[in-house]
C-alpha atoms as a PDB file:
ATOM      1  CA  MET A   1     153.703 102.029  35.062  1.00  0.00           C
ATOM      2  CA  VAL A   2     155.121 104.938  33.004  1.00  0.00           C
ATOM      3  CA  GLY A   3     158.293 106.882  33.688  1.00  0.00           C
ATOM      4  CA  ILE A   4     158.097 110.616  32.908  1.00  0.00           C
ATOM      5  CA  ASN A   5     161.347 112.391  31.757  1.00  0.00           C
ATOM      6  CA  PRO A   6     160.563 116.403  32.058  1.00  0.00           C
ATOM      7  CA  GLN A   7     162.489 118.114  29.215  1.00  0.00           C
ATOM      8  CA  THR A   8     164.176 120.370  31.677  1.00  0.00           C
ATOM      9  CA  TRP A   9     165.528 117.572  33.679  1.00  0.00           C
ATOM     10  CA  ASN A  10     167.667 115.962  30.826  1.00  0.00           C
ATOM     11  CA  ASN A  11     167.586 115.522  27.185  1.00  0.00           C
ATOM     12  CA  LEU A  12     166.008 112.660  24.973  1.00  0.00           C
ATOM     13  CA  GLY A  13     169.515 111.073  24.514  1.00  0.00           C
ATOM     14  CA  LYS A  14     170.183 110.998  28.383  1.00  0.00           C
ATOM     15  CA  ALA A  15     166.666 109.651  28.821  1.00  0.00           C
ATOM     16  CA  ARG A  16     167.230 106.819  26.452  1.00  0.00           C
ATOM     17  CA  GLU A  17     170.704 106.172  28.024  1.00  0.00           C
ATOM     18  CA  PHE A  18     168.964 105.825  31.402  1.00  0.00           C
ATOM     19  CA  VAL A  19     166.319 103.492  30.190  1.00  0.00           C
ATOM     20  CA  SER A  20     169.107 101.370  28.474  1.00  0.00           C
ATOM     21  CA  THR A  21     171.640 101.397  31.384  1.00  0.00           C
ATOM     22  CA  TYR A  22     168.883 100.545  34.109  1.00  0.00           C
ATOM     23  CA  ARG A  23     167.086  97.972  31.518  1.00  0.00           C
ATOM     24  CA  LEU A  24     163.764  99.522  32.317  1.00  0.00           C
ATOM     25  CA  THR A  25     160.963  97.312  31.490  1.00  0.00           C
ATOM     26  CA  PHE A  26     158.180  99.869  31.688  1.00  0.00           C
ATOM     27  CA  THR A  27     157.323 102.711  29.347  1.00  0.00           C
ATOM     28  CA  ASN A  28     159.302 105.949  29.580  1.00  0.00           C
ATOM     29  CA  LEU A  29     157.438 109.051  28.372  1.00  0.00           C
ATOM     30  CA  TRP A  30     159.672 111.900  26.915  1.00  0.00           C
ATOM     31  CA  ASP A  31     157.723 114.992  27.896  1.00  0.00           C
ATOM     32  CA  SER A  32     159.555 117.534  25.759  1.00  0.00           C
ATOM     33  CA  SER A  33     156.966 120.220  26.652  1.00  0.00           C
ATOM     34  CA  ASN A  34     156.585 119.374  30.362  1.00  0.00           C
ATOM     35  CA  ALA A  35     152.948 119.371  29.805  1.00  0.00           C
ATOM     36  CA  VAL A  36     152.371 116.030  31.756  1.00  0.00           C
ATOM     37  CA  TRP A  37     154.843 117.274  34.524  1.00  0.00           C
ATOM     38  CA  ARG A  38     152.880 120.481  34.883  1.00  0.00           C
ATOM     39  CA  HIS A  39     149.573 118.598  34.779  1.00  0.00           C
ATOM     40  CA  TYR A  40     150.580 116.507  37.868  1.00  0.00           C
ATOM     41  CA  LYS A  41     152.198 119.591  39.298  1.00  0.00           C
ATOM     42  CA  GLY A  42     155.587 117.831  39.643  1.00  0.00           C
ATOM     43  CA  PRO A  43     157.527 119.522  42.398  1.00  0.00           C
ATOM     44  CA  HIS A  44     160.682 120.427  40.563  1.00  0.00           C
ATOM     45  CA  SER A  45     161.887 119.357  37.131  1.00  0.00           C
ATOM     46  CA  TYR A  46     165.170 118.384  38.576  1.00  0.00           C
ATOM     47  CA  THR A  47     164.140 116.156  41.396  1.00  0.00           C
ATOM     48  CA  SER A  48     163.179 112.447  40.736  1.00  0.00           C
ATOM     49  CA  HIS A  49     159.853 111.573  42.001  1.00  0.00           C
ATOM     50  CA  VAL A  50     157.335 108.579  41.765  1.00  0.00           C
ATOM     51  CA  MET A  51     153.613 109.334  41.383  1.00  0.00           C
ATOM     52  CA  LEU A  52     151.049 106.561  41.368  1.00  0.00           C
ATOM     53  CA  VAL A  53     148.235 107.566  39.026  1.00  0.00           C
ATOM     54  CA  ASP A  54     144.863 105.683  39.069  1.00  0.00           C
ATOM     55  CA  LYS A  55     143.171 104.485  35.817  1.00  0.00           C
ATOM     56  CA  HIS A  56     141.245 107.859  35.588  1.00  0.00           C
ATOM     57  CA  GLY A  57     144.412 109.975  35.684  1.00  0.00           C
ATOM     58  CA  ASN A  58     144.176 111.016  39.312  1.00  0.00           C
ATOM     59  CA  ARG A  59     147.400 111.162  41.341  1.00  0.00           C
ATOM     60  CA  VAL A  60     147.055 108.807  44.414  1.00  0.00           C
ATOM     61  CA  GLU A  61     150.365 109.174  45.877  1.00  0.00           C
ATOM     62  CA  GLN A  62     153.795 110.943  45.342  1.00  0.00           C
ATOM     63  CA  ALA A  63     157.091 110.309  46.764  1.00  0.00           C
ATOM     64  CA  THR A  64     160.789 111.308  45.990  1.00  0.00           C
ATOM     65  CA  SER A  65     162.878 108.734  44.289  1.00  0.00           C
ATOM     66  CA  ARG A  66     163.626 107.068  47.649  1.00  0.00           C
ATOM     67  CA  PHE A  67     160.058 105.678  48.169  1.00  0.00           C
ATOM     68  CA  SER A  68     158.760 102.605  50.111  1.00  0.00           C
ATOM     69  CA  ALA A  69     157.998  99.780  47.450  1.00  0.00           C
ATOM     70  CA  SER A  70     155.740  98.186  49.917  1.00  0.00           C
ATOM     71  CA  LYS A  71     153.753 101.241  50.659  1.00  0.00           C
ATOM     72  CA  PHE A  72     153.091 101.780  46.886  1.00  0.00           C
ATOM     73  CA  GLN A  73     152.424  98.080  46.296  1.00  0.00           C
ATOM     74  CA  SER A  74     149.635  98.263  48.946  1.00  0.00           C
ATOM     75  CA  LEU A  75     148.204 101.374  47.375  1.00  0.00           C
ATOM     76  CA  VAL A  76     148.352  99.593  43.940  1.00  0.00           C
ATOM     77  CA  ASP A  77     146.659  96.638  45.474  1.00  0.00           C
ATOM     78  CA  ALA A  78     143.774  98.892  46.920  1.00  0.00           C
ATOM     79  CA  LEU A  79     143.060 100.387  43.486  1.00  0.00           C
ATOM     80  CA  ASP A  80     139.995  99.044  41.586  1.00  0.00           C
END
């Protein structure tokens, strides 16, 4: 799992603070150029989204920050 912080949504300091505050245990990518966000066609740089990407880099699913963990877990379980 990788979190992506688009440059227009916050700054590096705020991204680090978020990781620290919420004690994230997964990698967080600081996307200062928004290249990753644009590649996956993130809907809005100011809206939190969750994207499930397979090992080939293909987007499998996308949801707002309020997503069904059980739905995503079943999608992850179905990946090869």
